[in-house]
N, C-alpha and C. Protein backbone atom coordinates (compact mmCIF):
# COMPACT_ATOMS: atom_id res chain seq x y z
N MET A 1 -5.29 -87.09 25.64
CA MET A 1 -5.99 -87.16 26.97
C MET A 1 -4.89 -87.66 27.96
N ASP A 2 -4.31 -86.74 28.77
CA ASP A 2 -3.34 -87.10 29.67
C ASP A 2 -3.98 -87.85 30.84
N ALA A 3 -3.34 -88.89 31.39
CA ALA A 3 -3.93 -89.71 32.39
C ALA A 3 -4.03 -89.04 33.74
N LYS A 4 -3.08 -88.09 34.06
CA LYS A 4 -3.07 -87.40 35.42
C LYS A 4 -4.36 -86.55 35.61
N PRO A 5 -4.78 -85.78 34.71
CA PRO A 5 -6.11 -85.05 34.89
C PRO A 5 -7.28 -85.99 35.01
N TRP A 6 -7.23 -87.05 34.26
CA TRP A 6 -8.35 -88.03 34.34
C TRP A 6 -8.34 -88.69 35.68
N LYS A 7 -7.22 -89.06 36.11
CA LYS A 7 -7.12 -89.67 37.48
C LYS A 7 -7.65 -88.87 38.59
N ASP A 8 -7.26 -87.58 38.51
CA ASP A 8 -7.61 -86.61 39.48
C ASP A 8 -9.09 -86.44 39.50
N THR A 9 -9.67 -86.20 38.25
CA THR A 9 -11.05 -86.08 38.08
C THR A 9 -11.84 -87.28 38.59
N PHE A 10 -11.52 -88.51 38.17
CA PHE A 10 -12.23 -89.71 38.59
C PHE A 10 -12.12 -89.91 40.17
N SER A 11 -11.00 -89.59 40.71
CA SER A 11 -10.70 -89.77 42.12
C SER A 11 -11.56 -88.77 42.82
N GLY A 12 -11.67 -87.50 42.35
CA GLY A 12 -12.50 -86.56 42.93
C GLY A 12 -14.01 -86.94 42.99
N LEU A 13 -14.43 -87.52 41.89
CA LEU A 13 -15.85 -87.97 41.81
C LEU A 13 -16.11 -89.02 42.89
N ILE A 14 -15.07 -89.95 43.04
CA ILE A 14 -15.34 -91.03 43.96
C ILE A 14 -15.40 -90.56 45.35
N VAL A 15 -14.48 -89.54 45.63
CA VAL A 15 -14.45 -89.02 47.05
C VAL A 15 -15.71 -88.13 47.28
N LEU A 16 -16.23 -87.38 46.28
CA LEU A 16 -17.45 -86.68 46.45
C LEU A 16 -18.67 -87.58 46.63
N SER A 17 -18.63 -88.72 46.01
CA SER A 17 -19.70 -89.74 46.22
C SER A 17 -19.76 -90.27 47.61
N ILE A 18 -18.54 -90.45 48.20
CA ILE A 18 -18.43 -90.91 49.55
C ILE A 18 -18.93 -89.79 50.50
N ILE A 19 -18.55 -88.60 50.32
CA ILE A 19 -18.94 -87.44 51.21
C ILE A 19 -20.51 -87.26 51.00
N THR A 20 -21.02 -87.46 49.80
CA THR A 20 -22.49 -87.40 49.69
C THR A 20 -23.16 -88.46 50.40
N ALA A 21 -22.63 -89.70 50.41
CA ALA A 21 -23.24 -90.78 51.10
C ALA A 21 -23.21 -90.55 52.66
N VAL A 22 -22.21 -89.98 53.19
CA VAL A 22 -22.12 -89.60 54.59
C VAL A 22 -23.21 -88.51 54.87
N ALA A 23 -23.33 -87.57 54.04
CA ALA A 23 -24.35 -86.54 54.30
C ALA A 23 -25.75 -87.05 54.20
N TYR A 24 -25.97 -87.95 53.23
CA TYR A 24 -27.29 -88.63 53.03
C TYR A 24 -27.62 -89.52 54.21
N PHE A 25 -26.78 -90.27 54.71
CA PHE A 25 -27.05 -91.29 55.75
C PHE A 25 -27.02 -90.62 57.16
N THR A 26 -26.58 -89.41 57.27
CA THR A 26 -26.71 -88.71 58.58
C THR A 26 -27.94 -87.88 58.64
N GLY A 27 -28.67 -87.84 57.51
CA GLY A 27 -29.83 -86.93 57.47
C GLY A 27 -30.94 -87.36 58.64
N PRO A 28 -31.25 -88.59 58.86
CA PRO A 28 -32.29 -88.84 59.86
C PRO A 28 -31.79 -88.44 61.22
N GLU A 29 -30.51 -88.59 61.58
CA GLU A 29 -30.07 -88.05 62.89
C GLU A 29 -30.21 -86.61 62.97
N THR A 30 -29.90 -85.94 61.95
CA THR A 30 -29.90 -84.45 61.91
C THR A 30 -31.45 -84.02 62.04
N SER A 31 -32.34 -84.73 61.46
CA SER A 31 -33.76 -84.50 61.50
C SER A 31 -34.19 -84.67 62.95
N ASP A 32 -33.84 -85.69 63.52
CA ASP A 32 -34.21 -85.92 65.07
C ASP A 32 -33.65 -84.80 65.95
N TRP A 33 -32.44 -84.33 65.71
CA TRP A 33 -31.82 -83.33 66.40
C TRP A 33 -32.60 -82.02 66.25
N THR A 34 -32.97 -81.71 64.92
CA THR A 34 -33.68 -80.55 64.56
C THR A 34 -35.12 -80.54 65.33
N LYS A 35 -35.76 -81.69 65.34
CA LYS A 35 -37.01 -81.73 66.03
C LYS A 35 -36.91 -81.34 67.57
N GLN A 36 -35.79 -81.48 68.10
CA GLN A 36 -35.64 -81.16 69.50
C GLN A 36 -35.38 -79.64 69.61
N VAL A 37 -34.67 -79.06 68.69
CA VAL A 37 -34.28 -77.72 68.72
C VAL A 37 -35.37 -76.72 68.31
N LEU A 38 -36.05 -77.08 67.21
CA LEU A 38 -37.07 -76.15 66.72
C LEU A 38 -38.47 -76.34 67.54
N VAL A 39 -39.06 -75.16 67.77
CA VAL A 39 -40.28 -75.22 68.50
C VAL A 39 -41.36 -75.76 67.54
N SER A 40 -41.48 -75.17 66.34
CA SER A 40 -42.41 -75.72 65.35
C SER A 40 -41.72 -76.42 64.24
N PHE A 41 -41.85 -77.67 64.20
CA PHE A 41 -41.09 -78.47 63.27
C PHE A 41 -41.87 -78.71 62.02
N PRO A 42 -41.41 -78.20 60.85
CA PRO A 42 -42.14 -78.30 59.63
C PRO A 42 -41.93 -79.59 58.85
N GLN A 43 -42.74 -80.64 59.32
CA GLN A 43 -42.48 -81.92 58.73
C GLN A 43 -42.56 -82.04 57.27
N ASP A 44 -43.55 -81.28 56.67
CA ASP A 44 -43.62 -81.35 55.13
C ASP A 44 -42.41 -80.73 54.49
N GLN A 45 -41.81 -79.67 54.99
CA GLN A 45 -40.55 -79.15 54.50
C GLN A 45 -39.45 -80.15 54.65
N VAL A 46 -39.42 -80.87 55.73
CA VAL A 46 -38.32 -81.83 56.01
C VAL A 46 -38.48 -82.97 54.97
N GLU A 47 -39.60 -83.43 54.72
CA GLU A 47 -39.86 -84.49 53.72
C GLU A 47 -39.53 -84.02 52.34
N ASN A 48 -39.86 -82.84 52.00
CA ASN A 48 -39.36 -82.27 50.68
C ASN A 48 -37.91 -82.14 50.57
N HIS A 49 -37.33 -81.65 51.63
CA HIS A 49 -35.75 -81.56 51.69
C HIS A 49 -35.10 -82.98 51.53
N ALA A 50 -35.71 -83.92 52.19
CA ALA A 50 -35.23 -85.36 52.17
C ALA A 50 -35.36 -85.96 50.75
N LEU A 51 -36.49 -85.62 50.10
CA LEU A 51 -36.68 -86.16 48.71
C LEU A 51 -35.59 -85.65 47.78
N TRP A 52 -35.45 -84.34 47.80
CA TRP A 52 -34.43 -83.68 46.93
C TRP A 52 -32.97 -84.14 47.33
N GLY A 53 -32.73 -84.32 48.56
CA GLY A 53 -31.44 -84.95 49.02
C GLY A 53 -31.29 -86.33 48.43
N ARG A 54 -32.23 -87.05 48.42
CA ARG A 54 -32.16 -88.45 47.88
C ARG A 54 -31.87 -88.39 46.41
N ILE A 55 -32.50 -87.49 45.71
CA ILE A 55 -32.37 -87.34 44.28
C ILE A 55 -30.83 -86.87 44.01
N ALA A 56 -30.32 -85.95 44.81
CA ALA A 56 -28.91 -85.56 44.60
C ALA A 56 -27.99 -86.72 44.93
N PHE A 57 -28.35 -87.46 45.96
CA PHE A 57 -27.50 -88.66 46.39
C PHE A 57 -27.45 -89.68 45.19
N VAL A 58 -28.54 -89.93 44.60
CA VAL A 58 -28.54 -90.97 43.50
C VAL A 58 -27.74 -90.43 42.23
N ILE A 59 -27.95 -89.16 41.93
CA ILE A 59 -27.15 -88.65 40.79
C ILE A 59 -25.70 -88.74 41.13
N GLN A 60 -25.27 -88.33 42.37
CA GLN A 60 -23.90 -88.33 42.65
C GLN A 60 -23.32 -89.75 42.73
N VAL A 61 -24.11 -90.70 43.11
CA VAL A 61 -23.65 -92.11 43.10
C VAL A 61 -23.42 -92.59 41.66
N ILE A 62 -24.30 -92.10 40.78
CA ILE A 62 -24.14 -92.45 39.27
C ILE A 62 -22.74 -91.88 38.78
N ALA A 63 -22.57 -90.52 39.23
CA ALA A 63 -21.26 -89.88 38.85
C ALA A 63 -20.10 -90.58 39.42
N GLY A 64 -20.19 -91.13 40.67
CA GLY A 64 -19.09 -91.78 41.24
C GLY A 64 -18.83 -93.19 40.58
N LEU A 65 -19.97 -93.82 40.09
CA LEU A 65 -19.77 -95.04 39.36
C LEU A 65 -19.11 -94.82 38.11
N LEU A 66 -19.38 -93.66 37.39
CA LEU A 66 -18.72 -93.34 36.19
C LEU A 66 -17.19 -93.08 36.47
N GLY A 67 -16.89 -92.53 37.68
CA GLY A 67 -15.52 -92.34 38.10
C GLY A 67 -14.78 -93.66 38.21
N VAL A 68 -15.57 -94.62 38.77
CA VAL A 68 -14.97 -95.95 38.92
C VAL A 68 -14.70 -96.55 37.51
N MET A 69 -15.75 -96.34 36.58
CA MET A 69 -15.49 -96.87 35.23
C MET A 69 -14.25 -96.21 34.58
N GLY A 70 -14.14 -94.89 34.79
CA GLY A 70 -13.03 -94.21 34.31
C GLY A 70 -11.65 -94.78 34.75
N TRP A 71 -11.66 -94.99 36.12
CA TRP A 71 -10.48 -95.56 36.73
C TRP A 71 -10.15 -97.03 36.16
N ALA A 72 -11.15 -97.70 35.92
CA ALA A 72 -10.99 -99.07 35.38
C ALA A 72 -10.42 -98.98 34.00
N SER A 73 -10.78 -97.97 33.15
CA SER A 73 -10.19 -97.81 31.89
C SER A 73 -8.81 -97.49 32.02
N ILE A 74 -8.47 -96.52 32.92
CA ILE A 74 -7.03 -96.12 33.14
C ILE A 74 -6.16 -97.38 33.56
N LEU A 75 -6.65 -98.07 34.54
CA LEU A 75 -5.94 -99.24 35.01
C LEU A 75 -5.70 -100.26 33.90
N GLN A 76 -6.56 -100.34 32.91
CA GLN A 76 -6.41 -101.20 31.76
C GLN A 76 -5.61 -100.57 30.67
N GLU A 77 -5.04 -99.38 31.03
CA GLU A 77 -4.25 -98.53 30.07
C GLU A 77 -5.02 -98.28 28.74
N GLU A 78 -6.31 -97.90 28.90
CA GLU A 78 -7.07 -97.46 27.81
C GLU A 78 -7.50 -96.04 28.13
N LYS A 79 -7.82 -95.35 27.02
CA LYS A 79 -8.40 -94.00 27.19
C LYS A 79 -9.85 -94.08 27.65
N PRO A 80 -10.26 -93.35 28.69
CA PRO A 80 -11.71 -93.49 28.97
C PRO A 80 -12.52 -92.91 27.76
N ASP A 81 -13.67 -93.48 27.56
CA ASP A 81 -14.45 -93.14 26.37
C ASP A 81 -14.95 -91.68 26.56
N ARG A 82 -15.03 -90.84 25.44
CA ARG A 82 -15.36 -89.49 25.55
C ARG A 82 -16.82 -89.40 25.98
N LYS A 83 -17.62 -90.37 25.83
CA LYS A 83 -19.02 -90.26 26.22
C LYS A 83 -19.12 -90.09 27.69
N ILE A 84 -18.15 -90.66 28.45
CA ILE A 84 -18.08 -90.49 29.94
C ILE A 84 -17.93 -89.11 30.37
N SER A 85 -17.15 -88.37 29.71
CA SER A 85 -16.93 -86.95 30.19
C SER A 85 -18.19 -86.16 29.84
N PHE A 86 -18.88 -86.45 28.67
CA PHE A 86 -20.12 -85.67 28.37
C PHE A 86 -21.14 -85.93 29.41
N VAL A 87 -21.36 -87.27 29.65
CA VAL A 87 -22.41 -87.64 30.67
C VAL A 87 -22.07 -87.05 32.09
N LEU A 88 -20.77 -86.95 32.39
CA LEU A 88 -20.39 -86.49 33.67
C LEU A 88 -20.70 -85.01 33.77
N ILE A 89 -20.40 -84.26 32.72
CA ILE A 89 -20.66 -82.82 32.75
C ILE A 89 -22.20 -82.62 32.93
N VAL A 90 -23.03 -83.29 32.17
CA VAL A 90 -24.45 -83.08 32.29
C VAL A 90 -24.94 -83.44 33.70
N LEU A 91 -24.46 -84.62 34.20
CA LEU A 91 -24.84 -85.12 35.53
C LEU A 91 -24.41 -84.09 36.62
N LEU A 92 -23.20 -83.63 36.56
CA LEU A 92 -22.68 -82.63 37.51
C LEU A 92 -23.40 -81.34 37.51
N ILE A 93 -23.72 -80.86 36.33
CA ILE A 93 -24.53 -79.59 36.25
C ILE A 93 -25.85 -79.72 36.77
N VAL A 94 -26.60 -80.86 36.41
CA VAL A 94 -27.84 -81.09 36.99
C VAL A 94 -27.82 -81.27 38.57
N ASN A 95 -26.77 -82.03 38.99
CA ASN A 95 -26.63 -82.24 40.37
C ASN A 95 -26.35 -80.97 41.17
N THR A 96 -25.55 -80.19 40.58
CA THR A 96 -25.24 -78.86 41.20
C THR A 96 -26.58 -78.03 41.50
N LEU A 97 -27.49 -78.01 40.44
CA LEU A 97 -28.68 -77.31 40.64
C LEU A 97 -29.56 -77.98 41.74
N VAL A 98 -29.59 -79.31 41.69
CA VAL A 98 -30.40 -80.04 42.61
C VAL A 98 -29.89 -79.89 44.05
N ILE A 99 -28.57 -79.89 44.36
CA ILE A 99 -27.95 -79.62 45.60
C ILE A 99 -28.26 -78.17 46.10
N MET A 100 -28.17 -77.22 45.11
CA MET A 100 -28.57 -75.89 45.55
C MET A 100 -29.98 -75.70 45.99
N TYR A 101 -30.96 -76.38 45.26
CA TYR A 101 -32.32 -76.41 45.67
C TYR A 101 -32.52 -77.14 47.08
N THR A 102 -31.85 -78.27 47.15
CA THR A 102 -31.92 -78.99 48.44
C THR A 102 -31.36 -78.14 49.54
N ALA A 103 -30.31 -77.38 49.33
CA ALA A 103 -29.76 -76.56 50.42
C ALA A 103 -30.75 -75.38 50.74
N HIS A 104 -31.45 -74.86 49.74
CA HIS A 104 -32.49 -73.83 49.88
C HIS A 104 -33.54 -74.38 50.73
N LEU A 105 -33.99 -75.66 50.45
CA LEU A 105 -35.07 -76.20 51.30
C LEU A 105 -34.63 -76.45 52.66
N GLY A 106 -33.35 -76.84 52.92
CA GLY A 106 -32.80 -77.00 54.19
C GLY A 106 -32.77 -75.72 54.95
N GLY A 107 -32.47 -74.65 54.33
CA GLY A 107 -32.53 -73.31 54.95
C GLY A 107 -33.95 -72.91 55.42
N LEU A 108 -34.93 -73.28 54.53
CA LEU A 108 -36.29 -73.01 54.93
C LEU A 108 -36.72 -73.71 56.12
N ILE A 109 -36.15 -74.88 56.36
CA ILE A 109 -36.55 -75.64 57.57
C ILE A 109 -36.15 -74.80 58.78
N ARG A 110 -34.97 -74.23 58.75
CA ARG A 110 -34.44 -73.51 59.93
C ARG A 110 -35.13 -72.07 59.99
N ARG A 111 -35.39 -71.55 58.78
CA ARG A 111 -35.82 -70.14 58.75
C ARG A 111 -37.25 -70.12 58.13
N MET A 112 -38.26 -70.50 58.73
CA MET A 112 -39.56 -70.51 58.10
C MET A 112 -40.05 -69.12 57.79
N ASP A 113 -39.50 -68.12 58.36
CA ASP A 113 -39.90 -66.80 58.04
C ASP A 113 -39.51 -66.33 56.59
N LEU A 114 -38.69 -67.08 55.96
CA LEU A 114 -38.30 -66.77 54.59
C LEU A 114 -39.30 -67.25 53.55
N MET A 115 -40.20 -68.10 53.92
CA MET A 115 -41.19 -68.59 52.92
C MET A 115 -42.11 -67.53 52.48
């Protein structure tokens, strides 16, 4: 297990967690802006989108914390535990599906005619 790919992977997870946090915490402002732009504001769709966004955020934060754990192992000159990579793969696959569904719900907010 070469350290360079692990460092890149764990660094990427940490950066993605930060980006996810920015997206999550700007959601309320975006919702307020959308209320002003859309004539009929689908509150129930927005709440559903927010719920799934929160789920994606939590999963990504867990993946980011695993990235921090991996970096801690590397800094201590230890090999990251193989269980970390398995858990990360499962989490990232699940989160990809959750994010895709969240994006779909976001699209339905803007295009109610697609329902």
